[in-house]
Amino acid sequence: MTPEQRSSFENGIWLCQSCSRLIDADIPSHPADTLFEWKRLSEIQAYLALRNLEVVRSRNFKDLERKMPELIAEMRQDIQKHPFAREIIIMSKGWIYNGSGKMIFSYYFEEHEHLREKMKLCENYGAVVNITFNNVDRYEFTEDFAEYLESPN
């Protein structure tokens, strides 16, 4: 690109300082076509956001289930027994949680190794939303994931 093309408005793309350095330092890995596509998609996303719309990339919950079959199996049993419950807490078996009286699923550190990390992965997949409050690790199933759990394997 010429200096004029490089500094033109059409060539501009909003990036954080770290990402802009990565791209500038490794130009072969970031061809202009890719950068223009990123810009176009970002502008579409901003356009939709201004209209209270969003594009969500759905994840494959079967992949999530392959990564943590025991936890997902327990979640599936729970949601099939209580199809309208959505809230989850994670805790140690020795702890006491005084909930609000509504049905809340409990998963225990002693039964699921790396439970916090697994819940973070569930969050990344769009299966749960973190609603932690008062130092209690709380989550809520998304409706998409609840429907997945309610469906037969």
N, C-alpha and C. Protein backbone atom coordinates (compact mmCIF):
# COMPACT_ATOMS: atom_id res chain seq x y z
N MET A 1 0.84 -1.19 0.00
CA MET A 1 0.00 0.00 0.00
C MET A 1 0.88 1.25 0.00
N THR A 2 0.38 2.24 -0.64
CA THR A 2 1.07 3.52 -0.58
C THR A 2 0.81 4.15 0.78
N PRO A 3 1.63 5.10 1.20
CA PRO A 3 1.37 5.78 2.47
C PRO A 3 -0.02 6.42 2.51
N GLU A 4 -0.50 6.95 1.39
CA GLU A 4 -1.83 7.58 1.35
C GLU A 4 -2.92 6.53 1.54
N GLN A 5 -2.79 5.37 0.88
CA GLN A 5 -3.77 4.30 1.03
C GLN A 5 -3.78 3.77 2.47
N ARG A 6 -2.59 3.62 3.01
CA ARG A 6 -2.47 3.07 4.36
C ARG A 6 -3.12 3.98 5.40
N SER A 7 -3.03 5.30 5.22
CA SER A 7 -3.59 6.22 6.21
C SER A 7 -5.00 6.71 5.86
N SER A 8 -5.61 6.14 4.82
CA SER A 8 -6.94 6.59 4.41
C SER A 8 -8.02 6.07 5.38
N PHE A 9 -9.14 6.77 5.38
CA PHE A 9 -10.27 6.39 6.22
C PHE A 9 -10.76 4.97 5.90
N GLU A 10 -10.82 4.63 4.62
CA GLU A 10 -11.30 3.31 4.19
C GLU A 10 -10.42 2.18 4.72
N ASN A 11 -9.17 2.48 4.98
CA ASN A 11 -8.24 1.46 5.46
C ASN A 11 -8.29 1.32 6.98
N GLY A 12 -8.98 2.22 7.65
CA GLY A 12 -8.99 2.21 9.12
C GLY A 12 -9.77 1.04 9.70
N ILE A 13 -9.27 0.49 10.79
CA ILE A 13 -9.96 -0.55 11.53
C ILE A 13 -9.62 -0.32 13.01
N TRP A 14 -10.65 -0.35 13.86
CA TRP A 14 -10.42 -0.14 15.29
C TRP A 14 -9.89 -1.41 15.92
N LEU A 15 -8.72 -1.30 16.49
CA LEU A 15 -8.09 -2.43 17.18
C LEU A 15 -7.47 -1.92 18.48
N CYS A 16 -7.38 -2.82 19.44
CA CYS A 16 -6.66 -2.44 20.66
C CYS A 16 -5.17 -2.36 20.33
N GLN A 17 -4.41 -1.79 21.23
CA GLN A 17 -2.98 -1.59 21.00
C GLN A 17 -2.26 -2.93 20.79
N SER A 18 -2.63 -3.94 21.58
CA SER A 18 -1.96 -5.24 21.46
C SER A 18 -2.22 -5.89 20.11
N CYS A 19 -3.49 -5.89 19.68
CA CYS A 19 -3.84 -6.52 18.39
C CYS A 19 -3.23 -5.76 17.22
N SER A 20 -3.23 -4.45 17.28
CA SER A 20 -2.64 -3.69 16.17
C SER A 20 -1.14 -3.98 16.05
N ARG A 21 -0.47 -4.14 17.18
CA ARG A 21 0.97 -4.49 17.14
C ARG A 21 1.18 -5.87 16.55
N LEU A 22 0.32 -6.83 16.95
CA LEU A 22 0.44 -8.19 16.42
C LEU A 22 0.29 -8.20 14.90
N ILE A 23 -0.69 -7.47 14.41
CA ILE A 23 -0.95 -7.44 12.98
C ILE A 23 0.20 -6.75 12.25
N ASP A 24 0.64 -5.62 12.77
CA ASP A 24 1.73 -4.89 12.12
C ASP A 24 3.05 -5.67 12.16
N ALA A 25 3.24 -6.49 13.19
CA ALA A 25 4.48 -7.25 13.32
C ALA A 25 4.48 -8.52 12.48
N ASP A 26 3.29 -8.99 12.09
CA ASP A 26 3.20 -10.25 11.35
C ASP A 26 2.27 -10.07 10.15
N ILE A 27 2.66 -9.22 9.24
CA ILE A 27 1.83 -8.88 8.08
C ILE A 27 1.47 -10.10 7.23
N PRO A 28 2.38 -11.06 6.99
CA PRO A 28 2.00 -12.22 6.16
C PRO A 28 0.83 -13.04 6.74
N SER A 29 0.71 -13.06 8.03
CA SER A 29 -0.39 -13.83 8.66
C SER A 29 -1.71 -13.08 8.65
N HIS A 30 -1.70 -11.81 8.26
CA HIS A 30 -2.91 -10.98 8.28
C HIS A 30 -3.06 -10.26 6.94
N PRO A 31 -3.42 -10.99 5.89
CA PRO A 31 -3.54 -10.34 4.58
C PRO A 31 -4.65 -9.29 4.58
N ALA A 32 -4.52 -8.35 3.67
CA ALA A 32 -5.48 -7.24 3.59
C ALA A 32 -6.91 -7.73 3.44
N ASP A 33 -7.13 -8.79 2.65
CA ASP A 33 -8.49 -9.32 2.47
C ASP A 33 -9.11 -9.72 3.80
N THR A 34 -8.32 -10.37 4.64
CA THR A 34 -8.80 -10.80 5.95
C THR A 34 -9.14 -9.59 6.82
N LEU A 35 -8.26 -8.61 6.84
CA LEU A 35 -8.50 -7.42 7.65
C LEU A 35 -9.74 -6.65 7.18
N PHE A 36 -9.93 -6.53 5.87
CA PHE A 36 -11.12 -5.86 5.35
C PHE A 36 -12.39 -6.64 5.70
N GLU A 37 -12.30 -7.96 5.69
CA GLU A 37 -13.45 -8.78 6.08
C GLU A 37 -13.77 -8.57 7.56
N TRP A 38 -12.74 -8.53 8.42
CA TRP A 38 -12.96 -8.26 9.84
C TRP A 38 -13.65 -6.91 10.03
N LYS A 39 -13.17 -5.92 9.29
CA LYS A 39 -13.75 -4.59 9.40
C LYS A 39 -15.22 -4.61 8.97
N ARG A 40 -15.51 -5.28 7.85
CA ARG A 40 -16.88 -5.34 7.36
C ARG A 40 -17.79 -6.02 8.38
N LEU A 41 -17.35 -7.13 8.94
CA LEU A 41 -18.15 -7.85 9.93
C LEU A 41 -18.34 -7.02 11.20
N SER A 42 -17.31 -6.31 11.60
CA SER A 42 -17.40 -5.46 12.78
C SER A 42 -18.40 -4.33 12.57
N GLU A 43 -18.39 -3.75 11.37
CA GLU A 43 -19.34 -2.67 11.08
C GLU A 43 -20.77 -3.19 11.06
N ILE A 44 -20.98 -4.41 10.54
CA ILE A 44 -22.31 -5.02 10.56
C ILE A 44 -22.75 -5.27 11.99
N GLN A 45 -21.84 -5.78 12.81
CA GLN A 45 -22.16 -6.04 14.21
C GLN A 45 -22.52 -4.75 14.93
N ALA A 46 -21.79 -3.67 14.68
CA ALA A 46 -22.09 -2.37 15.30
C ALA A 46 -23.45 -1.86 14.83
N TYR A 47 -23.74 -2.01 13.54
CA TYR A 47 -25.03 -1.59 12.98
C TYR A 47 -26.18 -2.31 13.69
N LEU A 48 -26.03 -3.63 13.87
CA LEU A 48 -27.07 -4.41 14.54
C LEU A 48 -27.19 -4.02 16.02
N ALA A 49 -26.06 -3.79 16.67
CA ALA A 49 -26.08 -3.42 18.09
C ALA A 49 -26.82 -2.10 18.30
N LEU A 50 -26.67 -1.17 17.37
CA LEU A 50 -27.39 0.10 17.48
C LEU A 50 -28.90 -0.10 17.38
N ARG A 51 -29.33 -1.21 16.85
CA ARG A 51 -30.74 -1.53 16.71
C ARG A 51 -31.18 -2.60 17.71
N ASN A 52 -30.36 -2.80 18.75
CA ASN A 52 -30.63 -3.79 19.80
C ASN A 52 -30.75 -5.21 19.24
N LEU A 53 -29.95 -5.50 18.24
CA LEU A 53 -29.88 -6.84 17.66
C LEU A 53 -28.45 -7.33 17.77
N GLU A 54 -28.27 -8.62 17.72
CA GLU A 54 -26.91 -9.14 17.73
C GLU A 54 -26.84 -10.46 16.99
N VAL A 55 -25.67 -10.77 16.50
CA VAL A 55 -25.41 -12.05 15.87
C VAL A 55 -24.66 -12.88 16.90
N VAL A 56 -25.17 -14.05 17.18
CA VAL A 56 -24.55 -14.92 18.17
C VAL A 56 -24.08 -16.19 17.47
N ARG A 57 -22.84 -16.51 17.69
CA ARG A 57 -22.30 -17.76 17.13
C ARG A 57 -22.62 -18.87 18.11
N SER A 58 -23.44 -19.79 17.67
CA SER A 58 -23.82 -20.88 18.56
C SER A 58 -22.71 -21.93 18.60
N ARG A 59 -22.59 -22.55 19.73
CA ARG A 59 -21.60 -23.60 19.90
C ARG A 59 -22.31 -24.95 19.86
N ASN A 60 -21.57 -25.96 19.57
CA ASN A 60 -22.11 -27.30 19.52
C ASN A 60 -22.04 -27.90 20.92
N PHE A 61 -23.21 -28.06 21.54
CA PHE A 61 -23.25 -28.58 22.90
C PHE A 61 -22.78 -30.04 22.96
N LYS A 62 -22.84 -30.77 21.85
CA LYS A 62 -22.31 -32.14 21.84
C LYS A 62 -20.80 -32.13 22.10
N ASP A 63 -20.10 -31.13 21.56
CA ASP A 63 -18.67 -30.99 21.83
C ASP A 63 -18.43 -30.74 23.32
N LEU A 64 -19.24 -29.90 23.91
CA LEU A 64 -19.14 -29.61 25.34
C LEU A 64 -19.37 -30.89 26.14
N GLU A 65 -20.36 -31.66 25.74
CA GLU A 65 -20.68 -32.90 26.45
C GLU A 65 -19.54 -33.91 26.34
N ARG A 66 -18.86 -33.94 25.21
CA ARG A 66 -17.70 -34.85 25.06
C ARG A 66 -16.56 -34.45 26.01
N LYS A 67 -16.46 -33.17 26.32
CA LYS A 67 -15.38 -32.68 27.19
C LYS A 67 -15.65 -32.95 28.66
N MET A 68 -16.92 -33.04 29.05
CA MET A 68 -17.26 -33.25 30.46
C MET A 68 -18.54 -34.07 30.57
N PRO A 69 -18.48 -35.33 30.16
CA PRO A 69 -19.70 -36.15 30.09
C PRO A 69 -20.41 -36.35 31.42
N GLU A 70 -19.67 -36.50 32.52
CA GLU A 70 -20.31 -36.76 33.81
C GLU A 70 -21.12 -35.55 34.27
N LEU A 71 -20.55 -34.36 34.17
CA LEU A 71 -21.24 -33.15 34.60
C LEU A 71 -22.48 -32.90 33.74
N ILE A 72 -22.35 -33.04 32.43
CA ILE A 72 -23.49 -32.79 31.54
C ILE A 72 -24.57 -33.85 31.78
N ALA A 73 -24.19 -35.09 32.05
CA ALA A 73 -25.17 -36.14 32.35
C ALA A 73 -25.96 -35.78 33.61
N GLU A 74 -25.27 -35.27 34.62
CA GLU A 74 -25.95 -34.87 35.85
C GLU A 74 -26.88 -33.68 35.59
N MET A 75 -26.41 -32.73 34.81
CA MET A 75 -27.25 -31.58 34.45
C MET A 75 -28.50 -32.04 33.70
N ARG A 76 -28.31 -33.01 32.79
CA ARG A 76 -29.43 -33.53 32.00
C ARG A 76 -30.46 -34.19 32.92
N GLN A 77 -30.01 -35.00 33.86
CA GLN A 77 -30.93 -35.63 34.81
C GLN A 77 -31.70 -34.57 35.61
N ASP A 78 -30.97 -33.56 36.08
CA ASP A 78 -31.60 -32.52 36.89
C ASP A 78 -32.67 -31.76 36.10
N ILE A 79 -32.34 -31.34 34.89
CA ILE A 79 -33.27 -30.52 34.11
C ILE A 79 -34.47 -31.36 33.66
N GLN A 80 -34.27 -32.66 33.47
CA GLN A 80 -35.40 -33.50 33.09
C GLN A 80 -36.34 -33.73 34.28
N LYS A 81 -35.80 -33.76 35.50
CA LYS A 81 -36.64 -33.88 36.70
C LYS A 81 -37.34 -32.58 37.04
N HIS A 82 -36.66 -31.46 36.78
CA HIS A 82 -37.18 -30.13 37.14
C HIS A 82 -37.08 -29.22 35.91
N PRO A 83 -37.97 -29.38 34.93
CA PRO A 83 -37.83 -28.70 33.64
C PRO A 83 -37.95 -27.18 33.69
N PHE A 84 -38.42 -26.61 34.79
CA PHE A 84 -38.56 -25.16 34.84
C PHE A 84 -37.49 -24.50 35.70
N ALA A 85 -36.65 -25.30 36.33
CA ALA A 85 -35.55 -24.75 37.13
C ALA A 85 -34.39 -24.40 36.20
N ARG A 86 -33.69 -23.32 36.51
CA ARG A 86 -32.57 -22.89 35.68
C ARG A 86 -31.32 -22.53 36.48
N GLU A 87 -31.47 -22.29 37.76
CA GLU A 87 -30.36 -21.77 38.55
C GLU A 87 -29.48 -22.89 39.10
N ILE A 88 -28.18 -22.58 39.17
CA ILE A 88 -27.16 -23.54 39.60
C ILE A 88 -26.26 -22.86 40.63
N ILE A 89 -25.84 -23.61 41.62
CA ILE A 89 -24.73 -23.16 42.47
C ILE A 89 -23.68 -24.27 42.45
N ILE A 90 -22.43 -23.86 42.60
CA ILE A 90 -21.37 -24.85 42.76
C ILE A 90 -20.74 -24.59 44.12
N MET A 91 -20.46 -25.69 44.82
CA MET A 91 -19.99 -25.55 46.19
C MET A 91 -19.36 -26.84 46.68
N SER A 92 -18.83 -26.78 47.87
CA SER A 92 -18.29 -27.95 48.53
C SER A 92 -19.41 -28.63 49.31
N LYS A 93 -19.32 -29.93 49.48
CA LYS A 93 -20.36 -30.67 50.20
C LYS A 93 -20.50 -30.22 51.65
N GLY A 94 -19.45 -29.68 52.23
CA GLY A 94 -19.49 -29.24 53.62
C GLY A 94 -20.13 -27.88 53.82
N TRP A 95 -20.43 -27.18 52.76
CA TRP A 95 -21.00 -25.84 52.86
C TRP A 95 -22.51 -25.91 52.96
N ILE A 96 -23.07 -24.84 53.50
CA ILE A 96 -24.53 -24.72 53.58
C ILE A 96 -24.94 -23.51 52.75
N TYR A 97 -25.97 -23.70 51.92
CA TYR A 97 -26.49 -22.60 51.12
C TYR A 97 -27.96 -22.44 51.44
N ASN A 98 -28.31 -21.28 51.94
CA ASN A 98 -29.71 -20.98 52.22
C ASN A 98 -30.28 -20.20 51.06
N GLY A 99 -30.90 -20.91 50.15
CA GLY A 99 -31.46 -20.29 48.96
C GLY A 99 -32.78 -19.62 49.24
N SER A 100 -33.41 -19.21 48.20
CA SER A 100 -34.66 -18.46 48.30
C SER A 100 -35.88 -19.36 48.37
N GLY A 101 -35.70 -20.65 48.46
CA GLY A 101 -36.81 -21.57 48.48
C GLY A 101 -37.15 -22.14 47.12
N LYS A 102 -36.60 -21.55 46.07
CA LYS A 102 -36.86 -22.09 44.73
C LYS A 102 -35.88 -23.21 44.43
N MET A 103 -36.21 -23.99 43.42
CA MET A 103 -35.36 -25.11 43.03
C MET A 103 -34.06 -24.59 42.44
N ILE A 104 -32.93 -24.96 43.06
CA ILE A 104 -31.61 -24.59 42.59
C ILE A 104 -30.77 -25.87 42.52
N PHE A 105 -30.18 -26.12 41.37
CA PHE A 105 -29.32 -27.28 41.21
C PHE A 105 -27.98 -27.01 41.89
N SER A 106 -27.43 -28.04 42.55
CA SER A 106 -26.13 -27.92 43.22
C SER A 106 -25.18 -28.94 42.63
N TYR A 107 -23.99 -28.47 42.28
CA TYR A 107 -22.93 -29.35 41.81
C TYR A 107 -21.73 -29.14 42.73
N TYR A 108 -21.05 -30.24 43.06
CA TYR A 108 -20.05 -30.22 44.12
C TYR A 108 -18.63 -30.42 43.60
N PHE A 109 -17.73 -29.64 44.19
CA PHE A 109 -16.31 -29.74 43.83
C PHE A 109 -15.79 -31.15 44.03
N GLU A 110 -16.26 -31.82 45.07
CA GLU A 110 -15.78 -33.18 45.38
C GLU A 110 -16.21 -34.19 44.32
N GLU A 111 -17.28 -33.90 43.59
CA GLU A 111 -17.80 -34.84 42.59
C GLU A 111 -17.33 -34.52 41.17
N HIS A 112 -16.88 -33.30 40.96
CA HIS A 112 -16.48 -32.89 39.62
C HIS A 112 -15.15 -32.13 39.70
N GLU A 113 -14.08 -32.82 39.33
CA GLU A 113 -12.76 -32.20 39.32
C GLU A 113 -12.76 -30.99 38.39
N HIS A 114 -12.09 -29.92 38.79
CA HIS A 114 -11.99 -28.68 38.00
C HIS A 114 -13.35 -28.07 37.71
N LEU A 115 -14.24 -28.10 38.70
CA LEU A 115 -15.61 -27.67 38.48
C LEU A 115 -15.71 -26.20 38.06
N ARG A 116 -14.95 -25.32 38.69
CA ARG A 116 -15.00 -23.90 38.28
C ARG A 116 -14.58 -23.73 36.82
N GLU A 117 -13.53 -24.43 36.43
CA GLU A 117 -13.05 -24.34 35.06
C GLU A 117 -14.08 -24.92 34.08
N LYS A 118 -14.74 -26.01 34.49
CA LYS A 118 -15.79 -26.59 33.64
C LYS A 118 -16.96 -25.63 33.49
N MET A 119 -17.31 -24.94 34.56
CA MET A 119 -18.41 -23.98 34.46
C MET A 119 -18.01 -22.80 33.58
N LYS A 120 -16.74 -22.40 33.61
CA LYS A 120 -16.27 -21.34 32.73
C LYS A 120 -16.37 -21.79 31.27
N LEU A 121 -16.03 -23.04 31.01
CA LEU A 121 -16.16 -23.57 29.67
C LEU A 121 -17.63 -23.60 29.25
N CYS A 122 -18.52 -24.00 30.15
CA CYS A 122 -19.96 -23.95 29.87
C CYS A 122 -20.39 -22.53 29.53
N GLU A 123 -19.84 -21.58 30.26
CA GLU A 123 -20.14 -20.16 30.00
C GLU A 123 -19.64 -19.75 28.61
N ASN A 124 -18.44 -20.17 28.25
CA ASN A 124 -17.87 -19.85 26.94
C ASN A 124 -18.70 -20.46 25.81
N TYR A 125 -19.30 -21.61 26.05
CA TYR A 125 -20.12 -22.28 25.05
C TYR A 125 -21.54 -21.71 24.98
N GLY A 126 -21.88 -20.81 25.88
CA GLY A 126 -23.23 -20.26 25.88
C GLY A 126 -24.24 -21.19 26.53
N ALA A 127 -23.76 -22.11 27.36
CA ALA A 127 -24.64 -23.06 28.03
C ALA A 127 -25.18 -22.48 29.34
N VAL A 128 -24.37 -21.65 29.98
CA VAL A 128 -24.77 -21.02 31.24
C VAL A 128 -24.36 -19.56 31.23
N VAL A 129 -24.99 -18.81 32.12
CA VAL A 129 -24.63 -17.40 32.34
C VAL A 129 -24.21 -17.29 33.80
N ASN A 130 -23.09 -16.62 34.05
CA ASN A 130 -22.60 -16.43 35.41
C ASN A 130 -23.43 -15.36 36.10
N ILE A 131 -24.08 -15.72 37.21
CA ILE A 131 -24.87 -14.76 37.99
C ILE A 131 -24.38 -14.74 39.44
N THR A 132 -23.06 -14.94 39.63
CA THR A 132 -22.47 -14.98 40.96
C THR A 132 -22.90 -13.77 41.77
N PHE A 133 -23.27 -14.03 43.03
CA PHE A 133 -23.76 -12.99 43.92
C PHE A 133 -23.35 -13.34 45.34
N ASN A 134 -22.90 -12.35 46.10
CA ASN A 134 -22.50 -12.55 47.51
C ASN A 134 -21.51 -13.70 47.67
N ASN A 135 -20.51 -13.75 46.81
CA ASN A 135 -19.44 -14.75 46.88
C ASN A 135 -19.94 -16.19 46.73
N VAL A 136 -21.12 -16.37 46.15
CA VAL A 136 -21.62 -17.71 45.86
C VAL A 136 -21.54 -17.89 44.35
N ASP A 137 -20.83 -18.95 43.92
CA ASP A 137 -20.71 -19.23 42.49
C ASP A 137 -22.06 -19.70 41.98
N ARG A 138 -22.76 -18.79 41.31
CA ARG A 138 -24.10 -19.09 40.80
C ARG A 138 -24.13 -18.92 39.30
N TYR A 139 -24.91 -19.77 38.67
CA TYR A 139 -25.06 -19.76 37.21
C TYR A 139 -26.52 -20.01 36.88
N GLU A 140 -26.83 -19.76 35.62
CA GLU A 140 -28.18 -20.03 35.14
C GLU A 140 -28.06 -20.67 33.76
N PHE A 141 -28.80 -21.76 33.54
CA PHE A 141 -28.81 -22.38 32.23
C PHE A 141 -29.40 -21.41 31.21
N THR A 142 -28.83 -21.35 30.01
CA THR A 142 -29.47 -20.63 28.92
C THR A 142 -30.60 -21.51 28.40
N GLU A 143 -31.57 -20.91 27.77
CA GLU A 143 -32.69 -21.69 27.25
C GLU A 143 -32.24 -22.66 26.16
N ASP A 144 -31.29 -22.25 25.34
CA ASP A 144 -30.78 -23.16 24.30
C ASP A 144 -30.18 -24.41 24.92
N PHE A 145 -29.41 -24.23 25.99
CA PHE A 145 -28.79 -25.39 26.63
C PHE A 145 -29.82 -26.22 27.38
N ALA A 146 -30.79 -25.58 28.03
CA ALA A 146 -31.85 -26.32 28.71
C ALA A 146 -32.61 -27.19 27.71
N GLU A 147 -32.90 -26.65 26.53
CA GLU A 147 -33.58 -27.43 25.50
C GLU A 147 -32.72 -28.60 25.04
N TYR A 148 -31.40 -28.36 24.93
CA TYR A 148 -30.49 -29.43 24.56
C TYR A 148 -30.52 -30.53 25.61
N LEU A 149 -30.50 -30.15 26.89
CA LEU A 149 -30.52 -31.13 27.97
C LEU A 149 -31.83 -31.89 28.03
N GLU A 150 -32.92 -31.25 27.65
CA GLU A 150 -34.23 -31.90 27.68
C GLU A 150 -34.42 -32.89 26.52
N SER A 151 -33.65 -32.70 25.47
CA SER A 151 -33.80 -33.59 24.31
C SER A 151 -33.13 -34.93 24.57
N PRO A 152 -33.63 -35.99 23.92
CA PRO A 152 -32.97 -37.29 24.11
C PRO A 152 -31.55 -37.27 23.53
N ASN A 153 -30.67 -38.07 24.09
CA ASN A 153 -29.27 -38.11 23.64
C ASN A 153 -29.17 -38.36 22.17
